[in-house]
Amino acid sequence: MQTKASGRARGIHDIKIPIISQDRPDLILHDSGGFESGGDKEFQQVKGFIFEMSNTTEMKDRLHVIWFAYNIPPVFLKVRCLV
């Protein structure tokens, strides 16, 4: 699998296109590309994908894990650590 880094810019992803590594073909990833503040379009796409994959009859095709990642601003971390 080959990826291109673009720094801190938001990437373009299609959640329905799987990302499969040659080293781990049993681990299939889907990247939503994230959510914009108040972006209903992204939310509806992810919601539809989760619903579709959760209702698939074949167990091997089902959605098994959701990994939610977000950035915490460094300033917030400093304030919380001091409390």
PDB file of N, CA and C in Angstrom:
ATOM      1  N   MET A   1       0.851  -1.174   0.000  1.00  0.00           N
ATOM      2  CA  MET A   1       0.000   0.000   0.000  1.00  0.00           C
ATOM      3  C   MET A   1       0.893   1.233   0.000  1.00  0.00           C
ATOM      4  N   GLN A   2       0.565   2.168  -0.850  1.00  0.00           N
ATOM      5  CA  GLN A   2       1.352   3.384  -0.943  1.00  0.00           C
ATOM      6  C   GLN A   2       0.438   4.571  -0.676  1.00  0.00           C
ATOM      7  N   THR A   3       0.868   5.463   0.186  1.00  0.00           N
ATOM      8  CA  THR A   3       0.069   6.645   0.490  1.00  0.00           C
ATOM      9  C   THR A   3       0.881   7.891   0.238  1.00  0.00           C
ATOM     10  N   LYS A   4       0.179   8.991   0.058  1.00  0.00           N
ATOM     11  CA  LYS A   4       0.841  10.280  -0.127  1.00  0.00           C
ATOM     12  C   LYS A   4       0.449  11.175   1.035  1.00  0.00           C
ATOM     13  N   ALA A   5       1.429  11.813   1.628  1.00  0.00           N
ATOM     14  CA  ALA A   5       1.168  12.742   2.726  1.00  0.00           C
ATOM     15  C   ALA A   5       0.987  14.136   2.151  1.00  0.00           C
ATOM     16  N   SER A   6       0.064  14.870   2.734  1.00  0.00           N
ATOM     17  CA  SER A   6      -0.180  16.224   2.259  1.00  0.00           C
ATOM     18  C   SER A   6      -0.070  17.242   3.388  1.00  0.00           C
ATOM     19  N   GLY A   7       0.696  16.920   4.407  1.00  0.00           N
ATOM     20  CA  GLY A   7       0.834  17.854   5.521  1.00  0.00           C
ATOM     21  C   GLY A   7      -0.408  17.870   6.374  1.00  0.00           C
ATOM     22  N   ARG A   8      -0.828  19.045   6.770  1.00  0.00           N
ATOM     23  CA  ARG A   8      -1.984  19.169   7.652  1.00  0.00           C
ATOM     24  C   ARG A   8      -3.288  19.402   6.893  1.00  0.00           C
ATOM     25  N   ALA A   9      -3.217  19.396   5.568  1.00  0.00           N
ATOM     26  CA  ALA A   9      -4.425  19.609   4.775  1.00  0.00           C
ATOM     27  C   ALA A   9      -5.341  18.395   4.864  1.00  0.00           C
ATOM     28  N   ARG A  10      -6.614  18.640   4.794  1.00  0.00           N
ATOM     29  CA  ARG A  10      -7.608  17.570   4.848  1.00  0.00           C
ATOM     30  C   ARG A  10      -7.542  16.746   3.571  1.00  0.00           C
ATOM     31  N   GLY A  11      -7.535  15.425   3.723  1.00  0.00           N
ATOM     32  CA  GLY A  11      -7.487  14.536   2.572  1.00  0.00           C
ATOM     33  C   GLY A  11      -8.869  14.283   1.989  1.00  0.00           C
ATOM     34  N   ILE A  12      -8.892  13.792   0.781  1.00  0.00           N
ATOM     35  CA  ILE A  12     -10.143  13.423   0.114  1.00  0.00           C
ATOM     36  C   ILE A  12     -10.251  11.901   0.161  1.00  0.00           C
ATOM     37  N   HIS A  13     -11.343  11.395   0.729  1.00  0.00           N
ATOM     38  CA  HIS A  13     -11.526   9.962   0.883  1.00  0.00           C
ATOM     39  C   HIS A  13     -12.948   9.581   0.509  1.00  0.00           C
ATOM     40  N   ASP A  14     -13.104   8.392  -0.022  1.00  0.00           N
ATOM     41  CA  ASP A  14     -14.421   7.813  -0.272  1.00  0.00           C
ATOM     42  C   ASP A  14     -14.560   6.636   0.681  1.00  0.00           C
ATOM     43  N   ILE A  15     -15.436   6.750   1.642  1.00  0.00           N
ATOM     44  CA  ILE A  15     -15.575   5.731   2.686  1.00  0.00           C
ATOM     45  C   ILE A  15     -15.912   4.352   2.123  1.00  0.00           C
ATOM     46  N   LYS A  16     -16.503   4.297   0.927  1.00  0.00           N
ATOM     47  CA  LYS A  16     -16.894   3.011   0.350  1.00  0.00           C
ATOM     48  C   LYS A  16     -15.738   2.283  -0.346  1.00  0.00           C
ATOM     49  N   ILE A  17     -14.628   2.971  -0.569  1.00  0.00           N
ATOM     50  CA  ILE A  17     -13.464   2.333  -1.196  1.00  0.00           C
ATOM     51  C   ILE A  17     -12.556   1.795  -0.095  1.00  0.00           C
ATOM     52  N   PRO A  18     -12.394   0.470  -0.019  1.00  0.00           N
ATOM     53  CA  PRO A  18     -11.574  -0.116   1.050  1.00  0.00           C
ATOM     54  C   PRO A  18     -10.083   0.157   0.861  1.00  0.00           C
ATOM     55  N   ILE A  19      -9.386   0.240   1.970  1.00  0.00           N
ATOM     56  CA  ILE A  19      -7.926   0.350   1.987  1.00  0.00           C
ATOM     57  C   ILE A  19      -7.411  -0.989   2.512  1.00  0.00           C
ATOM     58  N   ILE A  20      -6.667  -1.704   1.673  1.00  0.00           N
ATOM     59  CA  ILE A  20      -6.202  -3.039   2.035  1.00  0.00           C
ATOM     60  C   ILE A  20      -4.683  -3.100   1.899  1.00  0.00           C
ATOM     61  N   SER A  21      -4.017  -3.501   2.957  1.00  0.00           N
ATOM     62  CA  SER A  21      -2.566  -3.631   2.961  1.00  0.00           C
ATOM     63  C   SER A  21      -2.168  -5.010   2.441  1.00  0.00           C
ATOM     64  N   GLN A  22      -1.094  -5.059   1.681  1.00  0.00           N
ATOM     65  CA  GLN A  22      -0.577  -6.353   1.216  1.00  0.00           C
ATOM     66  C   GLN A  22      -0.092  -7.193   2.395  1.00  0.00           C
ATOM     67  N   ASP A  23       0.366  -6.532   3.448  1.00  0.00           N
ATOM     68  CA  ASP A  23       0.860  -7.241   4.629  1.00  0.00           C
ATOM     69  C   ASP A  23      -0.270  -7.815   5.488  1.00  0.00           C
ATOM     70  N   ARG A  24      -1.451  -7.200   5.457  1.00  0.00           N
ATOM     71  CA  ARG A  24      -2.595  -7.644   6.260  1.00  0.00           C
ATOM     72  C   ARG A  24      -3.878  -7.599   5.434  1.00  0.00           C
ATOM     73  N   PRO A  25      -4.024  -8.494   4.460  1.00  0.00           N
ATOM     74  CA  PRO A  25      -5.224  -8.459   3.618  1.00  0.00           C
ATOM     75  C   PRO A  25      -6.515  -8.749   4.381  1.00  0.00           C
ATOM     76  N   ASP A  26      -6.392  -9.296   5.594  1.00  0.00           N
ATOM     77  CA  ASP A  26      -7.571  -9.569   6.414  1.00  0.00           C
ATOM     78  C   ASP A  26      -8.062  -8.328   7.161  1.00  0.00           C
ATOM     79  N   LEU A  27      -7.251  -7.281   7.185  1.00  0.00           N
ATOM     80  CA  LEU A  27      -7.614  -6.035   7.858  1.00  0.00           C
ATOM     81  C   LEU A  27      -8.013  -5.023   6.788  1.00  0.00           C
ATOM     82  N   ILE A  28      -9.291  -4.748   6.693  1.00  0.00           N
ATOM     83  CA  ILE A  28      -9.820  -3.849   5.659  1.00  0.00           C
ATOM     84  C   ILE A  28     -10.272  -2.559   6.328  1.00  0.00           C
ATOM     85  N   LEU A  29      -9.708  -1.447   5.879  1.00  0.00           N
ATOM     86  CA  LEU A  29     -10.013  -0.143   6.454  1.00  0.00           C
ATOM     87  C   LEU A  29     -10.862   0.689   5.503  1.00  0.00           C
ATOM     88  N   HIS A  30     -11.677   1.548   6.081  1.00  0.00           N
ATOM     89  CA  HIS A  30     -12.462   2.526   5.320  1.00  0.00           C
ATOM     90  C   HIS A  30     -12.256   3.869   6.010  1.00  0.00           C
ATOM     91  N   ASP A  31     -11.860   4.875   5.260  1.00  0.00           N
ATOM     92  CA  ASP A  31     -11.575   6.194   5.821  1.00  0.00           C
ATOM     93  C   ASP A  31     -12.636   7.182   5.365  1.00  0.00           C
ATOM     94  N   SER A  32     -13.271   7.813   6.319  1.00  0.00           N
ATOM     95  CA  SER A  32     -14.337   8.760   5.981  1.00  0.00           C
ATOM     96  C   SER A  32     -13.792  10.111   5.545  1.00  0.00           C
ATOM     97  N   GLY A  33     -12.553  10.410   5.870  1.00  0.00           N
ATOM     98  CA  GLY A  33     -12.016  11.722   5.541  1.00  0.00           C
ATOM     99  C   GLY A  33     -12.341  12.771   6.591  1.00  0.00           C
ATOM    100  N   GLY A  34     -13.091  12.405   7.608  1.00  0.00           N
ATOM    101  CA  GLY A  34     -13.350  13.306   8.724  1.00  0.00           C
ATOM    102  C   GLY A  34     -14.635  14.098   8.595  1.00  0.00           C
ATOM    103  N   PHE A  35     -14.861  14.908   9.589  1.00  0.00           N
ATOM    104  CA  PHE A  35     -16.061  15.740   9.653  1.00  0.00           C
ATOM    105  C   PHE A  35     -15.646  17.198   9.730  1.00  0.00           C
ATOM    106  N   GLU A  36     -16.344  18.013   9.001  1.00  0.00           N
ATOM    107  CA  GLU A  36     -16.164  19.451   9.121  1.00  0.00           C
ATOM    108  C   GLU A  36     -17.161  19.953  10.155  1.00  0.00           C
ATOM    109  N   SER A  37     -16.841  21.044  10.784  1.00  0.00           N
ATOM    110  CA  SER A  37     -17.731  21.606  11.783  1.00  0.00           C
ATOM    111  C   SER A  37     -19.098  21.898  11.159  1.00  0.00           C
ATOM    112  N   GLY A  38     -20.113  21.224  11.663  1.00  0.00           N
ATOM    113  CA  GLY A  38     -21.467  21.432  11.158  1.00  0.00           C
ATOM    114  C   GLY A  38     -21.729  20.797   9.811  1.00  0.00           C
ATOM    115  N   GLY A  39     -20.811  19.952   9.322  1.00  0.00           N
ATOM    116  CA  GLY A  39     -20.958  19.336   8.003  1.00  0.00           C
ATOM    117  C   GLY A  39     -21.916  18.164   8.024  1.00  0.00           C
ATOM    118  N   ASP A  40     -23.146  18.386   7.637  1.00  0.00           N
ATOM    119  CA  ASP A  40     -24.156  17.332   7.646  1.00  0.00           C
ATOM    120  C   ASP A  40     -23.900  16.294   6.550  1.00  0.00           C
ATOM    121  N   LYS A  41     -23.326  16.720   5.426  1.00  0.00           N
ATOM    122  CA  LYS A  41     -23.080  15.807   4.305  1.00  0.00           C
ATOM    123  C   LYS A  41     -22.161  14.667   4.730  1.00  0.00           C
ATOM    124  N   GLU A  42     -21.030  14.990   5.379  1.00  0.00           N
ATOM    125  CA  GLU A  42     -20.081  13.974   5.830  1.00  0.00           C
ATOM    126  C   GLU A  42     -20.732  13.044   6.847  1.00  0.00           C
ATOM    127  N   PHE A  43     -21.480  13.628   7.774  1.00  0.00           N
ATOM    128  CA  PHE A  43     -22.149  12.833   8.804  1.00  0.00           C
ATOM    129  C   PHE A  43     -23.127  11.840   8.185  1.00  0.00           C
ATOM    130  N   GLN A  44     -23.931  12.296   7.231  1.00  0.00           N
ATOM    131  CA  GLN A  44     -24.920  11.417   6.589  1.00  0.00           C
ATOM    132  C   GLN A  44     -24.242  10.295   5.793  1.00  0.00           C
ATOM    133  N   GLN A  45     -23.108  10.596   5.147  1.00  0.00           N
ATOM    134  CA  GLN A  45     -22.380   9.561   4.410  1.00  0.00           C
ATOM    135  C   GLN A  45     -21.868   8.469   5.358  1.00  0.00           C
ATOM    136  N   VAL A  46     -21.284   8.877   6.469  1.00  0.00           N
ATOM    137  CA  VAL A  46     -20.760   7.909   7.439  1.00  0.00           C
ATOM    138  C   VAL A  46     -21.905   7.133   8.084  1.00  0.00           C
ATOM    139  N   LYS A  47     -22.949   7.810   8.442  1.00  0.00           N
ATOM    140  CA  LYS A  47     -24.114   7.155   9.039  1.00  0.00           C
ATOM    141  C   LYS A  47     -24.691   6.096   8.096  1.00  0.00           C
ATOM    142  N   GLY A  48     -24.830   6.428   6.823  1.00  0.00           N
ATOM    143  CA  GLY A  48     -25.338   5.482   5.831  1.00  0.00           C
ATOM    144  C   GLY A  48     -24.409   4.286   5.658  1.00  0.00           C
ATOM    145  N   PHE A  49     -23.095   4.554   5.645  1.00  0.00           N
ATOM    146  CA  PHE A  49     -22.109   3.479   5.509  1.00  0.00           C
ATOM    147  C   PHE A  49     -22.174   2.535   6.706  1.00  0.00           C
ATOM    148  N   ILE A  50     -22.229   3.082   7.904  1.00  0.00           N
ATOM    149  CA  ILE A  50     -22.312   2.257   9.119  1.00  0.00           C
ATOM    150  C   ILE A  50     -23.583   1.408   9.093  1.00  0.00           C
ATOM    151  N   PHE A  51     -24.699   2.003   8.733  1.00  0.00           N
ATOM    152  CA  PHE A  51     -25.963   1.262   8.670  1.00  0.00           C
ATOM    153  C   PHE A  51     -25.867   0.127   7.649  1.00  0.00           C
ATOM    154  N   GLU A  52     -25.350   0.430   6.462  1.00  0.00           N
ATOM    155  CA  GLU A  52     -25.231  -0.572   5.399  1.00  0.00           C
ATOM    156  C   GLU A  52     -24.314  -1.720   5.810  1.00  0.00           C
ATOM    157  N   MET A  53     -23.144  -1.389   6.343  1.00  0.00           N
ATOM    158  CA  MET A  53     -22.167  -2.420   6.705  1.00  0.00           C
ATOM    159  C   MET A  53     -22.596  -3.220   7.938  1.00  0.00           C
ATOM    160  N   SER A  54     -23.379  -2.632   8.804  1.00  0.00           N
ATOM    161  CA  SER A  54     -23.850  -3.331  10.001  1.00  0.00           C
ATOM    162  C   SER A  54     -24.975  -4.300   9.699  1.00  0.00           C
ATOM    163  N   ASN A  55     -25.630  -4.119   8.576  1.00  0.00           N
ATOM    164  CA  ASN A  55     -26.762  -4.975   8.211  1.00  0.00           C
ATOM    165  C   ASN A  55     -26.431  -5.973   7.110  1.00  0.00           C
ATOM    166  N   THR A  56     -25.162  -6.072   6.753  1.00  0.00           N
ATOM    167  CA  THR A  56     -24.732  -7.048   5.753  1.00  0.00           C
ATOM    168  C   THR A  56     -24.892  -8.450   6.328  1.00  0.00           C
ATOM    169  N   THR A  57     -25.381  -9.376   5.522  1.00  0.00           N
ATOM    170  CA  THR A  57     -25.629 -10.734   6.028  1.00  0.00           C
ATOM    171  C   THR A  57     -24.354 -11.554   6.195  1.00  0.00           C
ATOM    172  N   GLU A  58     -23.349 -11.321   5.364  1.00  0.00           N
ATOM    173  CA  GLU A  58     -22.086 -12.058   5.473  1.00  0.00           C
ATOM    174  C   GLU A  58     -21.238 -11.464   6.610  1.00  0.00           C
ATOM    175  N   MET A  59     -20.887 -12.284   7.582  1.00  0.00           N
ATOM    176  CA  MET A  59     -20.106 -11.806   8.724  1.00  0.00           C
ATOM    177  C   MET A  59     -18.765 -11.206   8.291  1.00  0.00           C
ATOM    178  N   LYS A  60     -18.123 -11.786   7.294  1.00  0.00           N
ATOM    179  CA  LYS A  60     -16.818 -11.294   6.836  1.00  0.00           C
ATOM    180  C   LYS A  60     -16.921  -9.898   6.228  1.00  0.00           C
ATOM    181  N   ASP A  61     -18.103  -9.504   5.770  1.00  0.00           N
ATOM    182  CA  ASP A  61     -18.292  -8.194   5.143  1.00  0.00           C
ATOM    183  C   ASP A  61     -18.814  -7.143   6.113  1.00  0.00           C
ATOM    184  N   ARG A  62     -19.128  -7.558   7.315  1.00  0.00           N
ATOM    185  CA  ARG A  62     -19.700  -6.629   8.290  1.00  0.00           C
ATOM    186  C   ARG A  62     -18.671  -5.664   8.855  1.00  0.00           C
ATOM    187  N   LEU A  63     -19.172  -4.590   9.365  1.00  0.00           N
ATOM    188  CA  LEU A  63     -18.354  -3.608  10.062  1.00  0.00           C
ATOM    189  C   LEU A  63     -18.098  -4.132  11.473  1.00  0.00           C
ATOM    190  N   HIS A  64     -16.823  -4.240  11.859  1.00  0.00           N
ATOM    191  CA  HIS A  64     -16.483  -4.829  13.157  1.00  0.00           C
ATOM    192  C   HIS A  64     -15.955  -3.813  14.163  1.00  0.00           C
ATOM    193  N   VAL A  65     -15.324  -2.758  13.686  1.00  0.00           N
ATOM    194  CA  VAL A  65     -14.722  -1.777  14.596  1.00  0.00           C
ATOM    195  C   VAL A  65     -14.881  -0.383  14.004  1.00  0.00           C
ATOM    196  N   ILE A  66     -15.124   0.586  14.869  1.00  0.00           N
ATOM    197  CA  ILE A  66     -15.119   1.997  14.467  1.00  0.00           C
ATOM    198  C   ILE A  66     -14.040   2.683  15.286  1.00  0.00           C
ATOM    199  N   TRP A  67     -13.127   3.328  14.595  1.00  0.00           N
ATOM    200  CA  TRP A  67     -12.035   4.050  15.245  1.00  0.00           C
ATOM    201  C   TRP A  67     -12.291   5.535  15.036  1.00  0.00           C
ATOM    202  N   PHE A  68     -12.523   6.221  16.115  1.00  0.00           N
ATOM    203  CA  PHE A  68     -12.822   7.655  16.066  1.00  0.00           C
ATOM    204  C   PHE A  68     -11.622   8.409  16.618  1.00  0.00           C
ATOM    205  N   ALA A  69     -11.015   9.241  15.813  1.00  0.00           N
ATOM    206  CA  ALA A  69      -9.841  10.005  16.238  1.00  0.00           C
ATOM    207  C   ALA A  69     -10.115  11.501  16.060  1.00  0.00           C
ATOM    208  N   TYR A  70      -9.593  12.282  16.975  1.00  0.00           N
ATOM    209  CA  TYR A  70      -9.752  13.728  16.856  1.00  0.00           C
ATOM    210  C   TYR A  70      -8.552  14.417  17.477  1.00  0.00           C
ATOM    211  N   ASN A  71      -8.345  15.654  17.075  1.00  0.00           N
ATOM    212  CA  ASN A  71      -7.234  16.457  17.604  1.00  0.00           C
ATOM    213  C   ASN A  71      -7.672  17.213  18.848  1.00  0.00           C
ATOM    214  N   ILE A  72      -6.813  17.229  19.837  1.00  0.00           N
ATOM    215  CA  ILE A  72      -7.030  18.051  21.020  1.00  0.00           C
ATOM    216  C   ILE A  72      -6.013  19.182  20.957  1.00  0.00           C
ATOM    217  N   PRO A  73      -6.477  20.414  20.920  1.00  0.00           N
ATOM    218  CA  PRO A  73      -5.536  21.535  20.850  1.00  0.00           C
ATOM    219  C   PRO A  73      -4.554  21.512  22.023  1.00  0.00           C
ATOM    220  N   PRO A  74      -3.259  21.761  21.766  1.00  0.00           N
ATOM    221  CA  PRO A  74      -2.246  21.734  22.830  1.00  0.00           C
ATOM    222  C   PRO A  74      -2.579  22.659  23.995  1.00  0.00           C
ATOM    223  N   VAL A  75      -3.206  23.780  23.728  1.00  0.00           N
ATOM    224  CA  VAL A  75      -3.558  24.718  24.799  1.00  0.00           C
ATOM    225  C   VAL A  75      -4.524  24.052  25.767  1.00  0.00           C
ATOM    226  N   PHE A  76      -5.490  23.304  25.246  1.00  0.00           N
ATOM    227  CA  PHE A  76      -6.456  22.614  26.091  1.00  0.00           C
ATOM    228  C   PHE A  76      -5.761  21.579  26.974  1.00  0.00           C
ATOM    229  N   LEU A  77      -4.800  20.867  26.419  1.00  0.00           N
ATOM    230  CA  LEU A  77      -4.062  19.866  27.192  1.00  0.00           C
ATOM    231  C   LEU A  77      -3.304  20.503  28.355  1.00  0.00           C
ATOM    232  N   LYS A  78      -2.685  21.656  28.105  1.00  0.00           N
ATOM    233  CA  LYS A  78      -1.940  22.345  29.168  1.00  0.00           C
ATOM    234  C   LYS A  78      -2.879  22.797  30.279  1.00  0.00           C
ATOM    235  N   VAL A  79      -4.017  23.336  29.912  1.00  0.00           N
ATOM    236  CA  VAL A  79      -4.987  23.806  30.918  1.00  0.00           C
ATOM    237  C   VAL A  79      -5.505  22.637  31.734  1.00  0.00           C
ATOM    238  N   ARG A  80      -5.873  21.536  31.078  1.00  0.00           N
ATOM    239  CA  ARG A  80      -6.419  20.382  31.773  1.00  0.00           C
ATOM    240  C   ARG A  80      -5.389  19.741  32.700  1.00  0.00           C
ATOM    241  N   CYS A  81      -4.115  19.751  32.307  1.00  0.00           N
ATOM    242  CA  CYS A  81      -3.070  19.144  33.119  1.00  0.00           C
ATOM    243  C   CYS A  81      -2.808  19.956  34.393  1.00  0.00           C
ATOM    244  N   LEU A  82      -3.085  21.246  34.340  1.00  0.00           N
ATOM    245  CA  LEU A  82      -2.835  22.103  35.498  1.00  0.00           C
ATOM    246  C   LEU A  82      -3.970  22.030  36.504  1.00  0.00           C
ATOM    247  N   VAL A  83      -5.122  21.545  36.110  1.00  0.00           N
ATOM    248  CA  VAL A  83      -6.283  21.517  37.011  1.00  0.00           C
ATOM    249  C   VAL A  83      -6.142  20.403  38.018  1.00  0.00           C
TER     250      VAL A  83
END
